[in-house]
Amino acid sequence: MSMAYEEYMRQIVKPMRAELTNAGFEELTSAEEVENFMENVNGTTLVVVNSVCGCAAGLARPAATQAVLHASNKPDQFVTVFAGQDKEATSKMREYFTGYEPSSPSMALLKGKEVVHFIPRHEIEGYGIEEIMQNLENAFAKYC
């Protein structure tokens, strides 16, 4: 790929990244960052696998940010990887999602390194923001 294309894509996805980081999510952009985070993780973590698709923009990111803001029980950490952009980070994070097919966007609630709740794309696309938020908030209430 050309450098112009790579720079264009970096500029296009900036607001998509910022939507989560502005809500307190830590962005993990390399396999090393994911590995370091996961090797030292304690408590509960919400992981959002971000994407450029419409259901990420219209559903997943808004539901994740609103659930984090409004839930009475919340995970200890919030992190995100960006599928299609930070490929090595996303691939490394997916290694921890044992038993789950790769899905973008998706959300995983981890207790330590174990996935205790997973929301794949097919449970995002076609659902309303409120339904996705409720799915997350139910998981937070159960595991956080």
Protein backbone atom coordinates (compact mmCIF):
# COMPACT_ATOMS: atom_id res chain seq x y z
CA MET A 1 0.00 0.00 0.00
CA SER A 2 1.14 3.49 -0.69
CA MET A 3 2.16 5.90 2.05
CA ALA A 4 -0.55 8.31 0.84
CA TYR A 5 -3.20 5.63 1.39
CA GLU A 6 -1.88 4.79 4.85
CA GLU A 7 -1.91 8.46 5.85
CA TYR A 8 -5.41 8.91 4.42
CA MET A 9 -6.69 5.99 6.49
CA ARG A 10 -5.00 7.29 9.66
CA GLN A 11 -6.79 10.61 9.20
CA ILE A 12 -10.16 8.99 8.42
CA VAL A 13 -10.17 6.80 11.55
CA LYS A 14 -9.00 9.49 14.01
CA PRO A 15 -12.55 10.43 15.10
CA MET A 16 -13.48 6.73 15.30
CA ARG A 17 -10.60 6.16 17.69
CA ALA A 18 -11.32 9.35 19.63
CA GLU A 19 -14.92 8.39 20.29
CA LEU A 20 -13.67 5.61 22.57
CA THR A 21 -10.51 7.21 23.94
CA ASN A 22 -12.44 10.38 24.87
CA ALA A 23 -14.75 8.13 26.92
CA GLY A 24 -11.80 6.71 28.87
CA PHE A 25 -10.83 3.68 26.79
CA GLU A 26 -7.11 2.93 26.51
CA GLU A 27 -6.15 2.22 22.93
CA LEU A 28 -3.80 -0.72 22.40
CA THR A 29 -2.16 -0.35 18.99
CA SER A 30 0.50 -3.07 18.91
CA ALA A 31 0.76 -6.73 19.80
CA GLU A 32 3.30 -5.80 22.48
CA GLU A 33 0.89 -3.34 24.12
CA VAL A 34 -1.85 -5.99 24.16
CA GLU A 35 0.49 -8.61 25.58
CA ASN A 36 1.81 -6.25 28.27
CA PHE A 37 -1.71 -5.23 29.23
CA MET A 38 -3.03 -8.79 29.35
CA GLU A 39 -0.05 -10.17 31.25
CA ASN A 40 -0.59 -7.61 34.00
CA VAL A 41 -4.39 -7.37 33.99
CA ASN A 42 -6.38 -7.62 37.21
CA GLY A 43 -10.09 -7.32 37.79
CA THR A 44 -12.56 -6.83 34.97
CA THR A 45 -11.94 -5.29 31.56
CA LEU A 46 -14.24 -4.26 28.74
CA VAL A 47 -12.53 -4.74 25.39
CA VAL A 48 -14.07 -3.10 22.32
CA VAL A 49 -12.87 -4.35 18.96
CA ASN A 50 -13.41 -1.16 16.98
CA SER A 51 -14.12 -1.04 13.25
CA VAL A 52 -14.83 1.43 10.45
CA CYS A 53 -18.18 -0.18 9.57
CA GLY A 54 -21.51 1.51 10.03
CA CYS A 55 -22.64 -0.72 12.89
CA ALA A 56 -19.51 0.27 14.84
CA ALA A 57 -20.23 3.95 14.25
CA GLY A 58 -23.97 3.89 14.78
CA LEU A 59 -24.27 1.18 17.42
CA ALA A 60 -21.17 -0.35 19.02
CA ARG A 61 -19.18 2.75 19.96
CA PRO A 62 -22.18 4.74 21.20
CA ALA A 63 -23.50 1.77 23.20
CA ALA A 64 -20.10 1.08 24.77
CA THR A 65 -19.45 4.71 25.71
CA GLN A 66 -22.95 5.24 27.08
CA ALA A 67 -22.91 1.99 29.07
CA VAL A 68 -19.58 2.98 30.61
CA LEU A 69 -20.94 6.41 31.51
CA HIS A 70 -24.29 5.29 32.92
CA ALA A 71 -23.85 1.82 34.45
CA SER A 72 -23.75 1.65 38.22
CA ASN A 73 -21.39 -1.34 38.10
CA LYS A 74 -18.46 -0.89 35.73
CA PRO A 75 -15.37 -2.84 34.72
CA ASP A 76 -12.06 -1.82 36.24
CA GLN A 77 -10.48 -1.12 32.83
CA PHE A 78 -11.66 -0.19 29.34
CA VAL A 79 -9.46 -0.95 26.33
CA THR A 80 -9.87 -1.00 22.58
CA VAL A 81 -8.14 -2.43 19.54
CA PHE A 82 -8.96 -1.36 15.99
CA ALA A 83 -9.66 -4.16 13.50
CA GLY A 84 -8.37 -3.46 10.02
CA GLN A 85 -6.09 -0.69 11.29
CA ASP A 86 -3.98 -2.12 14.11
CA LYS A 87 -3.96 -5.64 12.75
CA GLU A 88 -1.27 -7.10 15.00
CA ALA A 89 -2.91 -5.68 18.16
CA THR A 90 -6.30 -7.00 17.11
CA SER A 91 -4.91 -10.43 16.26
CA LYS A 92 -3.10 -10.63 19.60
CA MET A 93 -6.21 -9.60 21.55
CA ARG A 94 -8.29 -12.18 19.72
CA GLU A 95 -5.89 -14.86 20.94
CA TYR A 96 -7.36 -14.24 24.40
CA PHE A 97 -10.93 -14.71 23.09
CA THR A 98 -10.70 -18.51 23.14
CA GLY A 99 -13.73 -20.17 21.60
CA TYR A 100 -15.03 -17.02 19.89
CA GLU A 101 -14.86 -16.37 16.17
CA PRO A 102 -13.22 -13.11 15.07
CA SER A 103 -15.89 -10.44 14.84
CA SER A 104 -15.71 -6.72 14.10
CA PRO A 105 -17.03 -4.84 15.84
CA SER A 106 -17.36 -6.85 19.01
CA MET A 107 -17.09 -6.45 22.76
CA ALA A 108 -15.67 -8.77 25.38
CA LEU A 109 -15.93 -8.53 29.13
CA LEU A 110 -12.94 -10.19 30.75
CA LYS A 111 -12.42 -11.26 34.32
CA GLY A 112 -8.66 -11.45 34.49
CA LYS A 113 -7.77 -13.02 31.15
CA GLU A 114 -11.00 -15.02 30.84
CA VAL A 115 -13.85 -13.93 28.59
CA VAL A 116 -17.01 -14.02 30.72
CA HIS A 117 -19.30 -12.23 28.25
CA PHE A 118 -18.94 -11.68 24.50
CA ILE A 119 -21.01 -9.59 22.11
CA PRO A 120 -20.23 -10.43 18.47
CA ARG A 121 -21.19 -8.33 15.49
CA HIS A 122 -24.42 -10.29 14.92
CA GLU A 123 -25.59 -9.17 18.39
CA ILE A 124 -24.79 -5.54 17.49
CA GLU A 125 -25.96 -5.17 13.90
CA GLY A 126 -29.73 -4.92 13.77
CA TYR A 127 -30.10 -4.11 17.49
CA GLY A 128 -30.78 -0.71 19.01
CA ILE A 129 -28.24 1.19 21.08
CA GLU A 130 -30.41 0.74 24.17
CA GLU A 131 -30.53 -3.05 23.68
CA ILE A 132 -26.74 -3.26 23.33
CA MET A 133 -26.27 -1.01 26.36
CA GLN A 134 -28.62 -3.25 28.36
CA ASN A 135 -26.65 -6.30 27.25
CA LEU A 136 -23.45 -4.66 28.53
CA GLU A 137 -25.02 -3.35 31.73
CA ASN A 138 -26.42 -6.81 32.54
CA ALA A 139 -22.95 -8.28 32.09
CA PHE A 140 -21.41 -5.52 34.23
CA ALA A 141 -23.96 -6.19 36.99
CA LYS A 142 -23.19 -9.90 36.92
CA TYR A 143 -19.39 -9.80 36.71
CA CYS A 144 -18.17 -6.41 37.97
